[in-house]
Full PDB file with SEQRES, HELIX, SHEET, SSBOND, CRYST1, ORIGX, SCALE, CONECT and MASTER records, all heavy atoms in Angstrom:
SEQRES   1 A   40  ILE PHE THR TRP GLU SER LEU ALA CYS ILE ILE THR TYR          
SEQRES   2 A   40  VAL GLU LEU CYS VAL SER LEU ASP THR HIS ARG SER ARG          
SEQRES   3 A   40  HIS ILE ARG MET LEU ALA SER MET GLN LEU LEU ASP THR          
SEQRES   4 A   40  GLN                                                          
HELIX    1 AA1 PHE A    2  THR A   22  1                                  21    
HELIX    2 AA2 ARG A   24  THR A   39  1                                  16    
CRYST1    1.000    1.000    1.000  90.00  90.00  90.00 P 1           1          
ORIGX1      1.000000  0.000000  0.000000        0.00000                         
ORIGX2      0.000000  1.000000  0.000000        0.00000                         
ORIGX3      0.000000  0.000000  1.000000        0.00000                         
SCALE1      1.000000  0.000000  0.000000        0.00000                         
SCALE2      0.000000  1.000000  0.000000        0.00000                         
SCALE3      0.000000  0.000000  1.000000        0.00000                         
ATOM      1  N   ILE A   1     -14.688  22.656  17.176  1.00  0.00           N  
ATOM      2  CA  ILE A   1     -13.508  21.801  17.053  1.00  0.00           C  
ATOM      3  C   ILE A   1     -13.911  20.346  16.812  1.00  0.00           C  
ATOM      4  O   ILE A   1     -13.359  19.664  15.929  1.00  0.00           O  
ATOM      5  CB  ILE A   1     -12.633  21.938  18.311  1.00  0.00           C  
ATOM      6  CG1 ILE A   1     -11.859  23.256  18.265  1.00  0.00           C  
ATOM      7  CG2 ILE A   1     -11.671  20.765  18.450  1.00  0.00           C  
ATOM      8  CD1 ILE A   1     -11.038  23.522  19.491  1.00  0.00           C  
ATOM      9  N   PHE A   2     -14.853  19.846  17.580  1.00  0.00           N  
ATOM     10  CA  PHE A   2     -15.260  18.456  17.392  1.00  0.00           C  
ATOM     11  C   PHE A   2     -15.997  18.263  16.074  1.00  0.00           C  
ATOM     12  O   PHE A   2     -15.910  17.199  15.457  1.00  0.00           O  
ATOM     13  CB  PHE A   2     -16.132  18.007  18.566  1.00  0.00           C  
ATOM     14  CG  PHE A   2     -15.339  17.512  19.746  1.00  0.00           C  
ATOM     15  CD1 PHE A   2     -15.057  18.334  20.822  1.00  0.00           C  
ATOM     16  CD2 PHE A   2     -14.842  16.216  19.758  1.00  0.00           C  
ATOM     17  CE1 PHE A   2     -14.316  17.890  21.894  1.00  0.00           C  
ATOM     18  CE2 PHE A   2     -14.097  15.759  20.838  1.00  0.00           C  
ATOM     19  CZ  PHE A   2     -13.832  16.597  21.903  1.00  0.00           C  
ATOM     20  N   THR A   3     -16.715  19.290  15.617  1.00  0.00           N  
ATOM     21  CA  THR A   3     -17.338  19.209  14.294  1.00  0.00           C  
ATOM     22  C   THR A   3     -16.279  19.121  13.208  1.00  0.00           C  
ATOM     23  O   THR A   3     -16.374  18.308  12.275  1.00  0.00           O  
ATOM     24  CB  THR A   3     -18.233  20.434  14.055  1.00  0.00           C  
ATOM     25  OG1 THR A   3     -19.219  20.505  15.082  1.00  0.00           O  
ATOM     26  CG2 THR A   3     -18.918  20.346  12.705  1.00  0.00           C  
ATOM     27  N   TRP A   4     -15.250  19.959  13.322  1.00  0.00           N  
ATOM     28  CA  TRP A   4     -14.164  19.919  12.352  1.00  0.00           C  
ATOM     29  C   TRP A   4     -13.409  18.596  12.417  1.00  0.00           C  
ATOM     30  O   TRP A   4     -13.007  18.041  11.385  1.00  0.00           O  
ATOM     31  CB  TRP A   4     -13.217  21.086  12.600  1.00  0.00           C  
ATOM     32  CG  TRP A   4     -11.909  20.946  11.897  1.00  0.00           C  
ATOM     33  CD1 TRP A   4     -10.692  20.793  12.455  1.00  0.00           C  
ATOM     34  CD2 TRP A   4     -11.692  20.936  10.483  1.00  0.00           C  
ATOM     35  NE1 TRP A   4      -9.722  20.686  11.494  1.00  0.00           N  
ATOM     36  CE2 TRP A   4     -10.304  20.769  10.269  1.00  0.00           C  
ATOM     37  CE3 TRP A   4     -12.534  21.039   9.376  1.00  0.00           C  
ATOM     38  CZ2 TRP A   4      -9.749  20.709   9.004  1.00  0.00           C  
ATOM     39  CZ3 TRP A   4     -11.972  20.982   8.103  1.00  0.00           C  
ATOM     40  CH2 TRP A   4     -10.600  20.823   7.927  1.00  0.00           C  
ATOM     41  N   GLU A   5     -13.212  18.048  13.605  1.00  0.00           N  
ATOM     42  CA  GLU A   5     -12.531  16.768  13.754  1.00  0.00           C  
ATOM     43  C   GLU A   5     -13.310  15.660  13.048  1.00  0.00           C  
ATOM     44  O   GLU A   5     -12.725  14.808  12.358  1.00  0.00           O  
ATOM     45  CB  GLU A   5     -12.370  16.451  15.239  1.00  0.00           C  
ATOM     46  CG  GLU A   5     -11.999  15.011  15.566  1.00  0.00           C  
ATOM     47  CD  GLU A   5     -10.601  14.646  15.118  1.00  0.00           C  
ATOM     48  OE1 GLU A   5      -9.813  15.564  14.825  1.00  0.00           O  
ATOM     49  OE2 GLU A   5     -10.309  13.437  15.054  1.00  0.00           O  
ATOM     50  N   SER A   6     -14.630  15.669  13.186  1.00  0.00           N  
ATOM     51  CA  SER A   6     -15.454  14.645  12.527  1.00  0.00           C  
ATOM     52  C   SER A   6     -15.387  14.778  11.012  1.00  0.00           C  
ATOM     53  O   SER A   6     -15.230  13.781  10.291  1.00  0.00           O  
ATOM     54  CB  SER A   6     -16.901  14.767  13.001  1.00  0.00           C  
ATOM     55  OG  SER A   6     -16.995  14.613  14.409  1.00  0.00           O  
ATOM     56  N   LEU A   7     -15.482  16.014  10.512  1.00  0.00           N  
ATOM     57  CA  LEU A   7     -15.416  16.225   9.066  1.00  0.00           C  
ATOM     58  C   LEU A   7     -14.031  15.875   8.526  1.00  0.00           C  
ATOM     59  O   LEU A   7     -13.914  15.231   7.467  1.00  0.00           O  
ATOM     60  CB  LEU A   7     -15.757  17.679   8.734  1.00  0.00           C  
ATOM     61  CG  LEU A   7     -17.213  18.101   8.970  1.00  0.00           C  
ATOM     62  CD1 LEU A   7     -17.376  19.597   8.705  1.00  0.00           C  
ATOM     63  CD2 LEU A   7     -18.155  17.299   8.085  1.00  0.00           C  
ATOM     64  N   ALA A   8     -12.983  16.284   9.229  1.00  0.00           N  
ATOM     65  CA  ALA A   8     -11.621  15.996   8.772  1.00  0.00           C  
ATOM     66  C   ALA A   8     -11.357  14.499   8.748  1.00  0.00           C  
ATOM     67  O   ALA A   8     -10.667  13.993   7.846  1.00  0.00           O  
ATOM     68  CB  ALA A   8     -10.604  16.697   9.678  1.00  0.00           C  
ATOM     69  N   CYS A   9     -11.899  13.776   9.716  1.00  0.00           N  
ATOM     70  CA  CYS A   9     -11.727  12.327   9.763  1.00  0.00           C  
ATOM     71  C   CYS A   9     -12.336  11.664   8.527  1.00  0.00           C  
ATOM     72  O   CYS A   9     -11.692  10.858   7.854  1.00  0.00           O  
ATOM     73  CB  CYS A   9     -12.366  11.781  11.037  1.00  0.00           C  
ATOM     74  SG  CYS A   9     -12.526  10.001  11.103  1.00  0.00           S  
ATOM     75  N   ILE A  10     -13.577  12.022   8.195  1.00  0.00           N  
ATOM     76  CA  ILE A  10     -14.251  11.408   7.047  1.00  0.00           C  
ATOM     77  C   ILE A  10     -13.591  11.828   5.742  1.00  0.00           C  
ATOM     78  O   ILE A  10     -13.344  11.001   4.852  1.00  0.00           O  
ATOM     79  CB  ILE A  10     -15.743  11.789   7.060  1.00  0.00           C  
ATOM     80  CG1 ILE A  10     -16.432  11.198   8.296  1.00  0.00           C  
ATOM     81  CG2 ILE A  10     -16.437  11.299   5.794  1.00  0.00           C  
ATOM     82  CD1 ILE A  10     -17.878  11.597   8.439  1.00  0.00           C  
ATOM     83  N   ILE A  11     -13.291  13.128   5.606  1.00  0.00           N  
ATOM     84  CA  ILE A  11     -12.707  13.626   4.359  1.00  0.00           C  
ATOM     85  C   ILE A  11     -11.343  12.988   4.106  1.00  0.00           C  
ATOM     86  O   ILE A  11     -11.035  12.557   2.982  1.00  0.00           O  
ATOM     87  CB  ILE A  11     -12.606  15.159   4.404  1.00  0.00           C  
ATOM     88  CG1 ILE A  11     -14.000  15.787   4.383  1.00  0.00           C  
ATOM     89  CG2 ILE A  11     -11.781  15.681   3.223  1.00  0.00           C  
ATOM     90  CD1 ILE A  11     -14.004  17.286   4.601  1.00  0.00           C  
ATOM     91  N   THR A  12     -10.523  12.897   5.144  1.00  0.00           N  
ATOM     92  CA  THR A  12      -9.192  12.312   4.972  1.00  0.00           C  
ATOM     93  C   THR A  12      -9.286  10.833   4.637  1.00  0.00           C  
ATOM     94  O   THR A  12      -8.512  10.323   3.806  1.00  0.00           O  
ATOM     95  CB  THR A  12      -8.359  12.508   6.248  1.00  0.00           C  
ATOM     96  OG1 THR A  12      -8.388  13.888   6.626  1.00  0.00           O  
ATOM     97  CG2 THR A  12      -6.930  12.083   6.019  1.00  0.00           C  
ATOM     98  N   TYR A  13     -10.223  10.122   5.245  1.00  0.00           N  
ATOM     99  CA  TYR A  13     -10.394   8.696   4.948  1.00  0.00           C  
ATOM    100  C   TYR A  13     -10.826   8.502   3.496  1.00  0.00           C  
ATOM    101  O   TYR A  13     -10.305   7.623   2.801  1.00  0.00           O  
ATOM    102  CB  TYR A  13     -11.418   8.094   5.903  1.00  0.00           C  
ATOM    103  CG  TYR A  13     -11.716   6.641   5.648  1.00  0.00           C  
ATOM    104  CD1 TYR A  13     -10.831   5.656   6.075  1.00  0.00           C  
ATOM    105  CD2 TYR A  13     -12.878   6.251   4.986  1.00  0.00           C  
ATOM    106  CE1 TYR A  13     -11.097   4.315   5.848  1.00  0.00           C  
ATOM    107  CE2 TYR A  13     -13.149   4.911   4.753  1.00  0.00           C  
ATOM    108  CZ  TYR A  13     -12.255   3.952   5.183  1.00  0.00           C  
ATOM    109  OH  TYR A  13     -12.516   2.622   4.939  1.00  0.00           O  
ATOM    110  N   VAL A  14     -11.758   9.320   3.030  1.00  0.00           N  
ATOM    111  CA  VAL A  14     -12.209   9.210   1.631  1.00  0.00           C  
ATOM    112  C   VAL A  14     -11.071   9.553   0.680  1.00  0.00           C  
ATOM    113  O   VAL A  14     -10.861   8.872  -0.346  1.00  0.00           O  
ATOM    114  CB  VAL A  14     -13.430  10.116   1.404  1.00  0.00           C  
ATOM    115  CG1 VAL A  14     -13.792  10.150  -0.080  1.00  0.00           C  
ATOM    116  CG2 VAL A  14     -14.627   9.625   2.218  1.00  0.00           C  
ATOM    117  N   GLU A  15     -10.312  10.606   0.985  1.00  0.00           N  
ATOM    118  CA  GLU A  15      -9.160  10.962   0.153  1.00  0.00           C  
ATOM    119  C   GLU A  15      -8.136   9.838   0.107  1.00  0.00           C  
ATOM    120  O   GLU A  15      -7.565   9.544  -0.953  1.00  0.00           O  
ATOM    121  CB  GLU A  15      -8.500  12.228   0.694  1.00  0.00           C  
ATOM    122  CG  GLU A  15      -9.298  13.495   0.465  1.00  0.00           C  
ATOM    123  CD  GLU A  15      -8.619  14.703   1.055  1.00  0.00           C  
ATOM    124  OE1 GLU A  15      -7.647  14.521   1.834  1.00  0.00           O  
ATOM    125  OE2 GLU A  15      -9.038  15.834   0.748  1.00  0.00           O  
ATOM    126  N   LEU A  16      -7.905   9.195   1.244  1.00  0.00           N  
ATOM    127  CA  LEU A  16      -6.959   8.083   1.297  1.00  0.00           C  
ATOM    128  C   LEU A  16      -7.390   6.951   0.384  1.00  0.00           C  
ATOM    129  O   LEU A  16      -6.594   6.438  -0.417  1.00  0.00           O  
ATOM    130  CB  LEU A  16      -6.838   7.604   2.744  1.00  0.00           C  
ATOM    131  CG  LEU A  16      -6.015   6.340   2.988  1.00  0.00           C  
ATOM    132  CD1 LEU A  16      -4.535   6.635   2.802  1.00  0.00           C  
ATOM    133  CD2 LEU A  16      -6.265   5.781   4.379  1.00  0.00           C  
ATOM    134  N   CYS A  17      -8.649   6.560   0.477  1.00  0.00           N  
ATOM    135  CA  CYS A  17      -9.145   5.446  -0.337  1.00  0.00           C  
ATOM    136  C   CYS A  17      -9.140   5.791  -1.816  1.00  0.00           C  
ATOM    137  O   CYS A  17      -8.757   4.967  -2.661  1.00  0.00           O  
ATOM    138  CB  CYS A  17     -10.554   5.060   0.118  1.00  0.00           C  
ATOM    139  SG  CYS A  17     -10.644   4.425   1.807  1.00  0.00           S  
ATOM    140  N   VAL A  18      -9.559   7.007  -2.155  1.00  0.00           N  
ATOM    141  CA  VAL A  18      -9.589   7.415  -3.561  1.00  0.00           C  
ATOM    142  C   VAL A  18      -8.179   7.450  -4.142  1.00  0.00           C  
ATOM    143  O   VAL A  18      -7.934   7.007  -5.277  1.00  0.00           O  
ATOM    144  CB  VAL A  18     -10.280   8.790  -3.708  1.00  0.00           C  
ATOM    145  CG1 VAL A  18     -10.125   9.330  -5.124  1.00  0.00           C  
ATOM    146  CG2 VAL A  18     -11.761   8.674  -3.365  1.00  0.00           C  
ATOM    147  N   SER A  19      -7.215   7.970  -3.378  1.00  0.00           N  
ATOM    148  CA  SER A  19      -5.836   8.037  -3.862  1.00  0.00           C  
ATOM    149  C   SER A  19      -5.257   6.646  -4.081  1.00  0.00           C  
ATOM    150  O   SER A  19      -4.598   6.383  -5.098  1.00  0.00           O  
ATOM    151  CB  SER A  19      -4.981   8.821  -2.863  1.00  0.00           C  
ATOM    152  OG  SER A  19      -3.637   8.851  -3.267  1.00  0.00           O  
ATOM    153  N   LEU A  20      -5.498   5.732  -3.148  1.00  0.00           N  
ATOM    154  CA  LEU A  20      -4.978   4.371  -3.302  1.00  0.00           C  
ATOM    155  C   LEU A  20      -5.647   3.651  -4.462  1.00  0.00           C  
ATOM    156  O   LEU A  20      -4.999   2.870  -5.173  1.00  0.00           O  
ATOM    157  CB  LEU A  20      -5.177   3.596  -2.002  1.00  0.00           C  
ATOM    158  CG  LEU A  20      -4.291   4.029  -0.827  1.00  0.00           C  
ATOM    159  CD1 LEU A  20      -4.668   3.275   0.430  1.00  0.00           C  
ATOM    160  CD2 LEU A  20      -2.819   3.803  -1.153  1.00  0.00           C  
ATOM    161  N   ASP A  21      -6.941   3.886  -4.684  1.00  0.00           N  
ATOM    162  CA  ASP A  21      -7.611   3.276  -5.830  1.00  0.00           C  
ATOM    163  C   ASP A  21      -7.093   3.850  -7.144  1.00  0.00           C  
ATOM    164  O   ASP A  21      -6.952   3.126  -8.140  1.00  0.00           O  
ATOM    165  CB  ASP A  21      -9.127   3.505  -5.740  1.00  0.00           C  
ATOM    166  CG  ASP A  21      -9.762   2.660  -4.654  1.00  0.00           C  
ATOM    167  OD1 ASP A  21      -9.104   1.708  -4.183  1.00  0.00           O  
ATOM    168  OD2 ASP A  21     -10.910   2.951  -4.257  1.00  0.00           O  
ATOM    169  N   THR A  22      -6.798   5.141  -7.155  1.00  0.00           N  
ATOM    170  CA  THR A  22      -6.292   5.773  -8.372  1.00  0.00           C  
ATOM    171  C   THR A  22      -4.931   5.205  -8.766  1.00  0.00           C  
ATOM    172  O   THR A  22      -4.654   5.005  -9.960  1.00  0.00           O  
ATOM    173  CB  THR A  22      -6.196   7.292  -8.182  1.00  0.00           C  
ATOM    174  OG1 THR A  22      -7.479   7.808  -7.801  1.00  0.00           O  
ATOM    175  CG2 THR A  22      -5.749   7.974  -9.463  1.00  0.00           C  
ATOM    176  N   HIS A  23      -4.081   4.946  -7.771  1.00  0.00           N  
ATOM    177  CA  HIS A  23      -2.734   4.442  -8.039  1.00  0.00           C  
ATOM    178  C   HIS A  23      -2.621   2.945  -7.742  1.00  0.00           C  
ATOM    179  O   HIS A  23      -1.534   2.456  -7.426  1.00  0.00           O  
ATOM    180  CB  HIS A  23      -1.713   5.203  -7.189  1.00  0.00           C  
ATOM    181  CG  HIS A  23      -1.660   6.665  -7.462  1.00  0.00           C  
ATOM    182  ND1 HIS A  23      -2.386   7.590  -6.738  1.00  0.00           N  
ATOM    183  CD2 HIS A  23      -0.975   7.380  -8.400  1.00  0.00           C  
ATOM    184  CE1 HIS A  23      -2.145   8.793  -7.198  1.00  0.00           C  
ATOM    185  NE2 HIS A  23      -1.298   8.711  -8.200  1.00  0.00           N  
ATOM    186  N   ARG A  24      -3.712   2.226  -7.855  1.00  0.00           N  
ATOM    187  CA  ARG A  24      -3.688   0.802  -7.505  1.00  0.00           C  
ATOM    188  C   ARG A  24      -2.745   0.015  -8.408  1.00  0.00           C  
ATOM    189  O   ARG A  24      -1.912  -0.765  -7.921  1.00  0.00           O  
ATOM    190  CB  ARG A  24      -5.097   0.221  -7.601  1.00  0.00           C  
ATOM    191  CG  ARG A  24      -5.164  -1.283  -7.315  1.00  0.00           C  
ATOM    192  CD  ARG A  24      -6.616  -1.732  -7.293  1.00  0.00           C  
ATOM    193  NE  ARG A  24      -7.291  -1.381  -8.537  1.00  0.00           N  
ATOM    194  CZ  ARG A  24      -8.630  -1.397  -8.683  1.00  0.00           C  
ATOM    195  NH1 ARG A  24      -9.394  -1.723  -7.648  1.00  0.00           N  
ATOM    196  NH2 ARG A  24      -9.171  -1.079  -9.831  1.00  0.00           N  
ATOM    197  N   SER A  25      -2.824   0.212  -9.716  1.00  0.00           N  
ATOM    198  CA  SER A  25      -1.952  -0.527 -10.637  1.00  0.00           C  
ATOM    199  C   SER A  25      -0.487  -0.184 -10.393  1.00  0.00           C  
ATOM    200  O   SER A  25       0.386  -1.069 -10.394  1.00  0.00           O  
ATOM    201  CB  SER A  25      -2.339  -0.212 -12.086  1.00  0.00           C  
ATOM    202  OG  SER A  25      -3.671  -0.586 -12.340  1.00  0.00           O  
ATOM    203  N   ARG A  26      -0.211   1.081 -10.169  1.00  0.00           N  
ATOM    204  CA  ARG A  26       1.162   1.498  -9.890  1.00  0.00           C  
ATOM    205  C   ARG A  26       1.645   0.930  -8.570  1.00  0.00           C  
ATOM    206  O   ARG A  26       2.815   0.534  -8.447  1.00  0.00           O  
ATOM    207  CB  ARG A  26       1.227   3.025  -9.873  1.00  0.00           C  
ATOM    208  CG  ARG A  26       2.623   3.603  -9.848  1.00  0.00           C  
ATOM    209  CD  ARG A  26       2.579   5.117  -9.925  1.00  0.00           C  
ATOM    210  NE  ARG A  26       3.906   5.693 -10.005  1.00  0.00           N  
ATOM    211  CZ  ARG A  26       4.147   7.001 -10.061  1.00  0.00           C  
ATOM    212  NH1 ARG A  26       3.137   7.857 -10.057  1.00  0.00           N  
ATOM    213  NH2 ARG A  26       5.387   7.444 -10.128  1.00  0.00           N  
ATOM    214  N   HIS A  27       0.763   0.864  -7.593  1.00  0.00           N  
ATOM    215  CA  HIS A  27       1.094   0.290  -6.291  1.00  0.00           C  
ATOM    216  C   HIS A  27       1.448  -1.186  -6.435  1.00  0.00           C  
ATOM    217  O   HIS A  27       2.454  -1.662  -5.865  1.00  0.00           O  
ATOM    218  CB  HIS A  27      -0.097   0.479  -5.352  1.00  0.00           C  
ATOM    219  CG  HIS A  27       0.238   0.291  -3.917  1.00  0.00           C  
ATOM    220  ND1 HIS A  27      -0.651   0.559  -2.892  1.00  0.00           N  
ATOM    221  CD2 HIS A  27       1.361  -0.171  -3.295  1.00  0.00           C  
ATOM    222  CE1 HIS A  27      -0.089   0.300  -1.745  1.00  0.00           C  
ATOM    223  NE2 HIS A  27       1.120  -0.167  -1.952  1.00  0.00           N  
ATOM    224  N   ILE A  28       0.666  -1.916  -7.207  1.00  0.00           N  
ATOM    225  CA  ILE A  28       0.915  -3.348  -7.393  1.00  0.00           C  
ATOM    226  C   ILE A  28       2.240  -3.567  -8.121  1.00  0.00           C  
ATOM    227  O   ILE A  28       3.030  -4.455  -7.757  1.00  0.00           O  
ATOM    228  CB  ILE A  28      -0.263  -3.985  -8.153  1.00  0.00           C  
ATOM    229  CG1 ILE A  28      -1.518  -4.003  -7.264  1.00  0.00           C  
ATOM    230  CG2 ILE A  28       0.079  -5.397  -8.590  1.00  0.00           C  
ATOM    231  CD1 ILE A  28      -2.763  -4.492  -7.960  1.00  0.00           C  
ATOM    232  N   ARG A  29       2.505  -2.759  -9.149  1.00  0.00           N  
ATOM    233  CA  ARG A  29       3.780  -2.896  -9.881  1.00  0.00           C  
ATOM    234  C   ARG A  29       4.970  -2.583  -8.974  1.00  0.00           C  
ATOM    235  O   ARG A  29       6.016  -3.247  -9.055  1.00  0.00           O  
ATOM    236  CB  ARG A  29       3.795  -1.963 -11.090  1.00  0.00           C  
ATOM    237  CG  ARG A  29       2.879  -2.386 -12.219  1.00  0.00           C  
ATOM    238  CD  ARG A  29       3.237  -1.650 -13.505  1.00  0.00           C  
ATOM    239  NE  ARG A  29       3.169  -0.211 -13.327  1.00  0.00           N  
ATOM    240  CZ  ARG A  29       2.099   0.522 -13.568  1.00  0.00           C  
ATOM    241  NH1 ARG A  29       0.969  -0.063 -13.972  1.00  0.00           N  
ATOM    242  NH2 ARG A  29       2.118   1.834 -13.399  1.00  0.00           N  
ATOM    243  N   MET A  30       4.823  -1.592  -8.101  1.00  0.00           N  
ATOM    244  CA  MET A  30       5.906  -1.257  -7.187  1.00  0.00           C  
ATOM    245  C   MET A  30       6.207  -2.409  -6.239  1.00  0.00           C  
ATOM    246  O   MET A  30       7.380  -2.763  -6.009  1.00  0.00           O  
ATOM    247  CB  MET A  30       5.540  -0.001  -6.397  1.00  0.00           C  
ATOM    248  CG  MET A  30       6.606   0.442  -5.412  1.00  0.00           C  
ATOM    249  SD  MET A  30       6.042   1.732  -4.279  1.00  0.00           S  
ATOM    250  CE  MET A  30       4.895   0.784  -3.255  1.00  0.00           C  
ATOM    251  N   LEU A  31       5.181  -3.014  -5.667  1.00  0.00           N  
ATOM    252  CA  LEU A  31       5.393  -4.133  -4.745  1.00  0.00           C  
ATOM    253  C   LEU A  31       6.002  -5.328  -5.458  1.00  0.00           C  
ATOM    254  O   LEU A  31       6.884  -6.011  -4.907  1.00  0.00           O  
ATOM    255  CB  LEU A  31       4.057  -4.519  -4.101  1.00  0.00           C  
ATOM    256  CG  LEU A  31       3.408  -3.451  -3.209  1.00  0.00           C  
ATOM    257  CD1 LEU A  31       2.057  -3.935  -2.707  1.00  0.00           C  
ATOM    258  CD2 LEU A  31       4.308  -3.099  -2.035  1.00  0.00           C  
ATOM    259  N   ALA A  32       5.558  -5.591  -6.692  1.00  0.00           N  
ATOM    260  CA  ALA A  32       6.147  -6.695  -7.458  1.00  0.00           C  
ATOM    261  C   ALA A  32       7.617  -6.419  -7.771  1.00  0.00           C  
ATOM    262  O   ALA A  32       8.453  -7.337  -7.730  1.00  0.00           O  
ATOM    263  CB  ALA A  32       5.354  -6.902  -8.746  1.00  0.00           C  
ATOM    264  N   SER A  33       7.965  -5.172  -8.064  1.00  0.00           N  
ATOM    265  CA  SER A  33       9.357  -4.819  -8.340  1.00  0.00           C  
ATOM    266  C   SER A  33      10.217  -4.979  -7.094  1.00  0.00           C  
ATOM    267  O   SER A  33      11.385  -5.396  -7.182  1.00  0.00           O  
ATOM    268  CB  SER A  33       9.445  -3.380  -8.850  1.00  0.00           C  
ATOM    269  OG  SER A  33       8.729  -3.231 -10.062  1.00  0.00           O  
ATOM    270  N   MET A  34       9.667  -4.657  -5.930  1.00  0.00           N  
ATOM    271  CA  MET A  34      10.420  -4.841  -4.689  1.00  0.00           C  
ATOM    272  C   MET A  34      10.685  -6.314  -4.424  1.00  0.00           C  
ATOM    273  O   MET A  34      11.779  -6.698  -3.976  1.00  0.00           O  
ATOM    274  CB  MET A  34       9.650  -4.215  -3.524  1.00  0.00           C  
ATOM    275  CG  MET A  34       9.650  -2.697  -3.536  1.00  0.00           C  
ATOM    276  SD  MET A  34       8.724  -1.995  -2.147  1.00  0.00           S  
ATOM    277  CE  MET A  34       9.123  -0.248  -2.327  1.00  0.00           C  
ATOM    278  N   GLN A  35       9.687  -7.163  -4.681  1.00  0.00           N  
ATOM    279  CA  GLN A  35       9.899  -8.599  -4.529  1.00  0.00           C  
ATOM    280  C   GLN A  35      10.983  -9.094  -5.485  1.00  0.00           C  
ATOM    281  O   GLN A  35      11.855  -9.871  -5.100  1.00  0.00           O  
ATOM    282  CB  GLN A  35       8.594  -9.347  -4.796  1.00  0.00           C  
ATOM    283  CG  GLN A  35       7.503  -9.123  -3.762  1.00  0.00           C  
ATOM    284  CD  GLN A  35       6.225  -9.862  -4.107  1.00  0.00           C  
ATOM    285  OE1 GLN A  35       5.235  -9.264  -4.497  1.00  0.00           O  
ATOM    286  NE2 GLN A  35       6.253 -11.165  -3.994  1.00  0.00           N  
ATOM    287  N   LEU A  36      10.916  -8.635  -6.732  1.00  0.00           N  
ATOM    288  CA  LEU A  36      11.879  -9.088  -7.733  1.00  0.00           C  
ATOM    289  C   LEU A  36      13.286  -8.597  -7.424  1.00  0.00           C  
ATOM    290  O   LEU A  36      14.267  -9.302  -7.694  1.00  0.00           O  
ATOM    291  CB  LEU A  36      11.435  -8.601  -9.116  1.00  0.00           C  
ATOM    292  CG  LEU A  36      12.271  -9.061 -10.311  1.00  0.00           C  
ATOM    293  CD1 LEU A  36      12.247 -10.584 -10.426  1.00  0.00           C  
ATOM    294  CD2 LEU A  36      11.761  -8.419 -11.593  1.00  0.00           C  
ATOM    295  N   LEU A  37      13.416  -7.420  -6.856  1.00  0.00           N  
ATOM    296  CA  LEU A  37      14.738  -6.869  -6.534  1.00  0.00           C  
ATOM    297  C   LEU A  37      15.471  -7.753  -5.539  1.00  0.00           C  
ATOM    298  O   LEU A  37      16.657  -8.056  -5.721  1.00  0.00           O  
ATOM    299  CB  LEU A  37      14.581  -5.457  -5.977  1.00  0.00           C  
ATOM    300  CG  LEU A  37      15.867  -4.755  -5.543  1.00  0.00           C  
ATOM    301  CD1 LEU A  37      16.792  -4.538  -6.732  1.00  0.00           C  
ATOM    302  CD2 LEU A  37      15.553  -3.431  -4.846  1.00  0.00           C  
ATOM    303  N   ASP A  38      14.789  -8.181  -4.496  1.00  0.00           N  
ATOM    304  CA  ASP A  38      15.438  -9.049  -3.510  1.00  0.00           C  
ATOM    305  C   ASP A  38      15.864 -10.365  -4.134  1.00  0.00           C  
ATOM    306  O   ASP A  38      16.941 -10.901  -3.828  1.00  0.00           O  
ATOM    307  CB  ASP A  38      14.478  -9.309  -2.348  1.00  0.00           C  
ATOM    308  CG  ASP A  38      14.390  -8.125  -1.396  1.00  0.00           C  
ATOM    309  OD1 ASP A  38      15.029  -7.095  -1.680  1.00  0.00           O  
ATOM    310  OD2 ASP A  38      13.661  -8.219  -0.396  1.00  0.00           O  
ATOM    311  N   THR A  39      15.032 -10.905  -5.017  1.00  0.00           N  
ATOM    312  CA  THR A  39      15.374 -12.169  -5.668  1.00  0.00           C  
ATOM    313  C   THR A  39      16.631 -12.029  -6.520  1.00  0.00           C  
ATOM    314  O   THR A  39      17.519 -12.893  -6.493  1.00  0.00           O  
ATOM    315  CB  THR A  39      14.198 -12.633  -6.545  1.00  0.00           C  
ATOM    316  OG1 THR A  39      13.026 -12.747  -5.747  1.00  0.00           O  
ATOM    317  CG2 THR A  39      14.491 -13.975  -7.183  1.00  0.00           C  
ATOM    318  N   GLN A  40      16.737 -10.934  -7.255  1.00  0.00           N  
ATOM    319  CA  GLN A  40      17.892 -10.743  -8.132  1.00  0.00           C  
ATOM    320  C   GLN A  40      19.155 -10.423  -7.338  1.00  0.00           C  
ATOM    321  O   GLN A  40      20.256 -10.848  -7.721  1.00  0.00           O  
ATOM    322  CB  GLN A  40      17.586  -9.639  -9.135  1.00  0.00           C  
ATOM    323  CG  GLN A  40      16.490 -10.015 -10.123  1.00  0.00           C  
ATOM    324  CD  GLN A  40      16.168  -8.896 -11.097  1.00  0.00           C  
ATOM    325  OE1 GLN A  40      16.592  -7.763 -10.916  1.00  0.00           O  
ATOM    326  NE2 GLN A  40      15.408  -9.222 -12.135  1.00  0.00           N  
TER     327      GLN A  40                                                      
MASTER        0    0    0    2    0    0    0    6  326    1    0    4          
END                                                                             
């Protein structure tokens, strides 16, 4: 169980970072659109 917990922790962290890097441009555009929506 503790071996699986250690592996799951590292694998999930790497998946998180890779996913955010893959959608970085889309993430930035989404945040900019949210800022612009409140202004309008």
